[in-house]
Amino acid sequence: PVAPPAAPPPAAPPDDDGDDFELVAVLSPEQRSAESRKRAEREGDIIDLIADDDDDDGAKLQGIATTPAWYFQDLHLQERRIMITNIARLLQARKPNATADWIQRLPQMARRLEESLFRSATSFEEYRDTSTLKKRLQAMAIAIGLRLRQQHQAAGPAPAAPPP
């Protein structure tokens, strides 16, 4: 007697979403941050946002300059560093094809914007609210633009260039 043909192996369930990964762990935000930093360090994607070599913003960050009444360096310094990083990421996301010169100036721009947000905040909660960060930066950009326009108008018209 001939044996009946073997049954085919069970078919794998169809792949609906196209994702080929398996969830093996859930990390806390702190663990994700640490892992992300390690990966960025390995890949050389770290931008030093706290360096003091270009101006005195680092001294201001350390609390040497006049600070808001709500600020306590021991409690808030790490949050300020995080805010600088958040600002740099927002700026970089808005300019994905930035020049090397712009990228080199990014840490200084982020520190100066953070300093302005820090000085204008009425509380630590207001300062660190990432849900309003983009809107606060946009308002700051508008205010800076208006201030520059007023300065140019106050200076009067630029002298006309002589004809060639």
C-alpha atoms as a PDB file:
ATOM      1  CA  PRO A   1       0.000   0.000   0.000  1.00  0.00           C
ATOM      2  CA  VAL A   2       1.095   3.499  -0.804  1.00  0.00           C
ATOM      3  CA  ALA A   3       1.260   6.055   1.981  1.00  0.00           C
ATOM      4  CA  PRO A   4      -0.965   9.092   1.543  1.00  0.00           C
ATOM      5  CA  PRO A   5       0.902  12.279   0.588  1.00  0.00           C
ATOM      6  CA  ALA A   6       2.196  14.344   3.502  1.00  0.00           C
ATOM      7  CA  ALA A   7       0.116  17.345   4.441  1.00  0.00           C
ATOM      8  CA  PRO A   8       1.724  20.656   3.538  1.00  0.00           C
ATOM      9  CA  PRO A   9       3.148  22.636   6.450  1.00  0.00           C
ATOM     10  CA  PRO A  10       0.742  25.190   7.900  1.00  0.00           C
ATOM     11  CA  ALA A  11       0.940  28.515   6.090  1.00  0.00           C
ATOM     12  CA  ALA A  12       2.373  31.471   7.948  1.00  0.00           C
ATOM     13  CA  PRO A  13      -0.172  34.158   8.756  1.00  0.00           C
ATOM     14  CA  PRO A  14      -0.205  36.926   6.150  1.00  0.00           C
ATOM     15  CA  ASP A  15       1.950  39.958   6.907  1.00  0.00           C
ATOM     16  CA  ASP A  16      -0.523  42.833   6.925  1.00  0.00           C
ATOM     17  CA  ASP A  17       1.658  45.771   7.879  1.00  0.00           C
ATOM     18  CA  GLY A  18       4.969  45.009   6.175  1.00  0.00           C
ATOM     19  CA  ASP A  19       6.912  45.380   9.460  1.00  0.00           C
ATOM     20  CA  ASP A  20       9.500  42.688  10.008  1.00  0.00           C
ATOM     21  CA  PHE A  21      10.404  43.054  13.669  1.00  0.00           C
ATOM     22  CA  GLU A  22       9.687  41.461  16.970  1.00  0.00           C
ATOM     23  CA  LEU A  23       9.084  43.490  20.123  1.00  0.00           C
ATOM     24  CA  VAL A  24      11.451  42.084  22.705  1.00  0.00           C
ATOM     25  CA  ALA A  25      11.427  44.807  25.378  1.00  0.00           C
ATOM     26  CA  VAL A  26       9.819  48.054  26.375  1.00  0.00           C
ATOM     27  CA  LEU A  27      12.216  50.732  27.572  1.00  0.00           C
ATOM     28  CA  SER A  28      11.471  53.614  29.895  1.00  0.00           C
ATOM     29  CA  PRO A  29      12.024  57.131  28.503  1.00  0.00           C
ATOM     30  CA  GLU A  30      15.285  57.348  30.472  1.00  0.00           C
ATOM     31  CA  GLN A  31      16.502  54.021  29.055  1.00  0.00           C
ATOM     32  CA  ARG A  32      15.501  55.063  25.506  1.00  0.00           C
ATOM     33  CA  SER A  33      17.382  58.320  25.934  1.00  0.00           C
ATOM     34  CA  ALA A  34      20.501  56.537  27.197  1.00  0.00           C
ATOM     35  CA  GLU A  35      20.368  54.000  24.352  1.00  0.00           C
ATOM     36  CA  SER A  36      19.829  56.752  21.793  1.00  0.00           C
ATOM     37  CA  ARG A  37      22.815  58.689  23.125  1.00  0.00           C
ATOM     38  CA  LYS A  38      25.028  55.576  23.048  1.00  0.00           C
ATOM     39  CA  ARG A  39      24.001  54.907  19.443  1.00  0.00           C
ATOM     40  CA  ALA A  40      24.636  58.542  18.455  1.00  0.00           C
ATOM     41  CA  GLU A  41      28.063  58.465  20.125  1.00  0.00           C
ATOM     42  CA  ARG A  42      28.952  55.246  18.279  1.00  0.00           C
ATOM     43  CA  GLU A  43      27.850  56.752  14.968  1.00  0.00           C
ATOM     44  CA  GLY A  44      29.481  60.130  15.601  1.00  0.00           C
ATOM     45  CA  ASP A  45      26.179  62.029  15.526  1.00  0.00           C
ATOM     46  CA  ILE A  46      26.739  64.054  18.704  1.00  0.00           C
ATOM     47  CA  ILE A  47      26.784  67.856  18.508  1.00  0.00           C
ATOM     48  CA  ASP A  48      28.300  69.509  21.585  1.00  0.00           C
ATOM     49  CA  LEU A  49      25.638  72.006  22.597  1.00  0.00           C
ATOM     50  CA  ILE A  50      27.244  73.005  25.892  1.00  0.00           C
ATOM     51  CA  ALA A  51      30.773  73.898  24.745  1.00  0.00           C
ATOM     52  CA  ASP A  52      32.134  77.170  26.123  1.00  0.00           C
ATOM     53  CA  ASP A  53      34.720  77.788  23.425  1.00  0.00           C
ATOM     54  CA  ASP A  54      32.833  80.308  21.269  1.00  0.00           C
ATOM     55  CA  ASP A  55      31.356  82.803  23.751  1.00  0.00           C
ATOM     56  CA  ASP A  56      30.147  83.248  27.304  1.00  0.00           C
ATOM     57  CA  ASP A  57      26.784  81.500  26.901  1.00  0.00           C
ATOM     58  CA  GLY A  58      28.173  78.559  28.844  1.00  0.00           C
ATOM     59  CA  ALA A  59      28.801  80.819  31.808  1.00  0.00           C
ATOM     60  CA  LYS A  60      25.206  82.040  31.607  1.00  0.00           C
ATOM     61  CA  LEU A  61      24.015  78.448  31.436  1.00  0.00           C
ATOM     62  CA  GLN A  62      25.902  77.713  34.628  1.00  0.00           C
ATOM     63  CA  GLY A  63      23.974  80.441  36.452  1.00  0.00           C
ATOM     64  CA  ILE A  64      26.685  83.110  36.697  1.00  0.00           C
ATOM     65  CA  ALA A  65      24.538  85.789  35.011  1.00  0.00           C
ATOM     66  CA  THR A  66      21.340  87.144  36.583  1.00  0.00           C
ATOM     67  CA  THR A  67      18.764  84.370  36.652  1.00  0.00           C
ATOM     68  CA  PRO A  68      14.981  84.219  37.152  1.00  0.00           C
ATOM     69  CA  ALA A  69      13.785  83.922  40.739  1.00  0.00           C
ATOM     70  CA  TRP A  70      12.375  80.432  40.075  1.00  0.00           C
ATOM     71  CA  TYR A  71      15.731  79.034  38.860  1.00  0.00           C
ATOM     72  CA  PHE A  72      17.819  76.702  41.010  1.00  0.00           C
ATOM     73  CA  GLN A  73      20.934  75.499  39.210  1.00  0.00           C
ATOM     74  CA  ASP A  74      21.133  72.153  41.025  1.00  0.00           C
ATOM     75  CA  LEU A  75      17.545  71.320  40.076  1.00  0.00           C
ATOM     76  CA  HIS A  76      17.277  72.857  36.614  1.00  0.00           C
ATOM     77  CA  LEU A  77      20.670  72.686  34.865  1.00  0.00           C
ATOM     78  CA  GLN A  78      19.989  69.286  33.296  1.00  0.00           C
ATOM     79  CA  GLU A  79      16.594  70.507  32.052  1.00  0.00           C
ATOM     80  CA  ARG A  80      18.301  73.472  30.400  1.00  0.00           C
ATOM     81  CA  ARG A  81      20.669  71.125  28.583  1.00  0.00           C
ATOM     82  CA  ILE A  82      17.697  69.054  27.417  1.00  0.00           C
ATOM     83  CA  MET A  83      15.944  72.216  26.225  1.00  0.00           C
ATOM     84  CA  ILE A  84      19.008  73.247  24.192  1.00  0.00           C
ATOM     85  CA  THR A  85      19.002  69.820  22.549  1.00  0.00           C
ATOM     86  CA  ASN A  86      15.261  70.076  21.822  1.00  0.00           C
ATOM     87  CA  ILE A  87      15.728  73.516  20.250  1.00  0.00           C
ATOM     88  CA  ALA A  88      18.645  72.284  18.123  1.00  0.00           C
ATOM     89  CA  ARG A  89      16.554  69.348  16.903  1.00  0.00           C
ATOM     90  CA  LEU A  90      13.658  71.630  15.968  1.00  0.00           C
ATOM     91  CA  LEU A  91      15.978  73.982  14.087  1.00  0.00           C
ATOM     92  CA  GLN A  92      17.701  71.126  12.287  1.00  0.00           C
ATOM     93  CA  ALA A  93      14.365  69.547  11.324  1.00  0.00           C
ATOM     94  CA  ARG A  94      13.325  72.831   9.693  1.00  0.00           C
ATOM     95  CA  LYS A  95      16.518  72.921   7.634  1.00  0.00           C
ATOM     96  CA  PRO A  96      17.356  69.325   6.615  1.00  0.00           C
ATOM     97  CA  ASN A  97      19.709  70.404   3.784  1.00  0.00           C
ATOM     98  CA  ALA A  98      21.650  72.889   5.896  1.00  0.00           C
ATOM     99  CA  THR A  99      25.130  73.998   4.928  1.00  0.00           C
ATOM    100  CA  ALA A 100      28.137  72.909   6.959  1.00  0.00           C
ATOM    101  CA  ASP A 101      28.521  76.501   8.183  1.00  0.00           C
ATOM    102  CA  TRP A 102      24.914  76.568   9.432  1.00  0.00           C
ATOM    103  CA  ILE A 103      25.349  73.227  11.199  1.00  0.00           C
ATOM    104  CA  GLN A 104      28.523  74.528  12.833  1.00  0.00           C
ATOM    105  CA  ARG A 105      26.577  77.561  14.143  1.00  0.00           C
ATOM    106  CA  LEU A 106      23.623  75.436  15.307  1.00  0.00           C
ATOM    107  CA  PRO A 107      24.837  74.856  18.894  1.00  0.00           C
ATOM    108  CA  GLN A 108      25.378  78.578  19.447  1.00  0.00           C
ATOM    109  CA  MET A 109      21.973  79.432  17.939  1.00  0.00           C
ATOM    110  CA  ALA A 110      20.269  76.834  20.141  1.00  0.00           C
ATOM    111  CA  ARG A 111      22.021  78.138  23.277  1.00  0.00           C
ATOM    112  CA  ARG A 112      21.036  81.727  22.539  1.00  0.00           C
ATOM    113  CA  LEU A 113      17.415  80.817  21.845  1.00  0.00           C
ATOM    114  CA  GLU A 114      17.295  78.743  25.022  1.00  0.00           C
ATOM    115  CA  GLU A 115      18.725  81.677  26.967  1.00  0.00           C
ATOM    116  CA  SER A 116      15.962  83.951  25.656  1.00  0.00           C
ATOM    117  CA  LEU A 117      13.259  81.415  26.496  1.00  0.00           C
ATOM    118  CA  PHE A 118      14.816  80.940  29.932  1.00  0.00           C
ATOM    119  CA  ARG A 119      14.888  84.685  30.678  1.00  0.00           C
ATOM    120  CA  SER A 120      11.329  85.279  29.459  1.00  0.00           C
ATOM    121  CA  ALA A 121       9.664  82.365  31.283  1.00  0.00           C
ATOM    122  CA  THR A 122       7.623  83.244  34.352  1.00  0.00           C
ATOM    123  CA  SER A 123       8.034  79.769  35.856  1.00  0.00           C
ATOM    124  CA  PHE A 124      10.014  76.587  35.427  1.00  0.00           C
ATOM    125  CA  GLU A 125       6.867  74.779  34.278  1.00  0.00           C
ATOM    126  CA  GLU A 126       6.322  77.371  31.541  1.00  0.00           C
ATOM    127  CA  TYR A 127       9.985  77.175  30.497  1.00  0.00           C
ATOM    128  CA  ARG A 128      10.124  73.387  30.200  1.00  0.00           C
ATOM    129  CA  ASP A 129       6.728  72.899  28.500  1.00  0.00           C
ATOM    130  CA  THR A 130       7.713  71.146  25.261  1.00  0.00           C
ATOM    131  CA  SER A 131       4.125  71.255  23.996  1.00  0.00           C
ATOM    132  CA  THR A 132       4.486  75.044  23.571  1.00  0.00           C
ATOM    133  CA  LEU A 133       8.171  75.115  22.588  1.00  0.00           C
ATOM    134  CA  LYS A 134       7.637  75.476  18.844  1.00  0.00           C
ATOM    135  CA  LYS A 135       5.036  78.206  19.323  1.00  0.00           C
ATOM    136  CA  ARG A 136       7.292  80.112  21.762  1.00  0.00           C
ATOM    137  CA  LEU A 137      10.218  79.903  19.330  1.00  0.00           C
ATOM    138  CA  GLN A 138       7.997  81.153  16.496  1.00  0.00           C
ATOM    139  CA  ALA A 139       6.810  84.078  18.638  1.00  0.00           C
ATOM    140  CA  MET A 140      10.429  84.862  19.496  1.00  0.00           C
ATOM    141  CA  ALA A 141      11.401  84.797  15.792  1.00  0.00           C
ATOM    142  CA  ILE A 142       8.565  87.213  14.967  1.00  0.00           C
ATOM    143  CA  ALA A 143       9.604  89.552  17.792  1.00  0.00           C
ATOM    144  CA  ILE A 144      13.243  89.480  16.655  1.00  0.00           C
ATOM    145  CA  GLY A 145      12.171  90.181  13.069  1.00  0.00           C
ATOM    146  CA  LEU A 146      10.055  93.157  14.160  1.00  0.00           C
ATOM    147  CA  ARG A 147      12.872  94.502  16.305  1.00  0.00           C
ATOM    148  CA  LEU A 148      15.345  94.232  13.401  1.00  0.00           C
ATOM    149  CA  ARG A 149      12.892  95.946  11.038  1.00  0.00           C
ATOM    150  CA  GLN A 150      12.419  98.797  13.531  1.00  0.00           C
ATOM    151  CA  GLN A 151      16.189  99.180  13.905  1.00  0.00           C
ATOM    152  CA  HIS A 152      16.633  99.354  10.126  1.00  0.00           C
ATOM    153  CA  GLN A 153      13.855 101.936   9.821  1.00  0.00           C
ATOM    154  CA  ALA A 154      15.330 104.027  12.635  1.00  0.00           C
ATOM    155  CA  ALA A 155      18.714 104.002  10.915  1.00  0.00           C
ATOM    156  CA  GLY A 156      17.128 105.492   7.785  1.00  0.00           C
ATOM    157  CA  PRO A 157      17.469 104.362   4.195  1.00  0.00           C
ATOM    158  CA  ALA A 158      20.732 102.819   3.126  1.00  0.00           C
ATOM    159  CA  PRO A 159      22.880 105.052   0.930  1.00  0.00           C
ATOM    160  CA  ALA A 160      22.300 104.423  -2.735  1.00  0.00           C
ATOM    161  CA  ALA A 161      25.071 102.616  -4.537  1.00  0.00           C
ATOM    162  CA  PRO A 162      26.823 104.730  -7.159  1.00  0.00           C
ATOM    163  CA  PRO A 163      25.923 103.816 -10.734  1.00  0.00           C
ATOM    164  CA  PRO A 164      28.438 101.520 -12.460  1.00  0.00           C
END
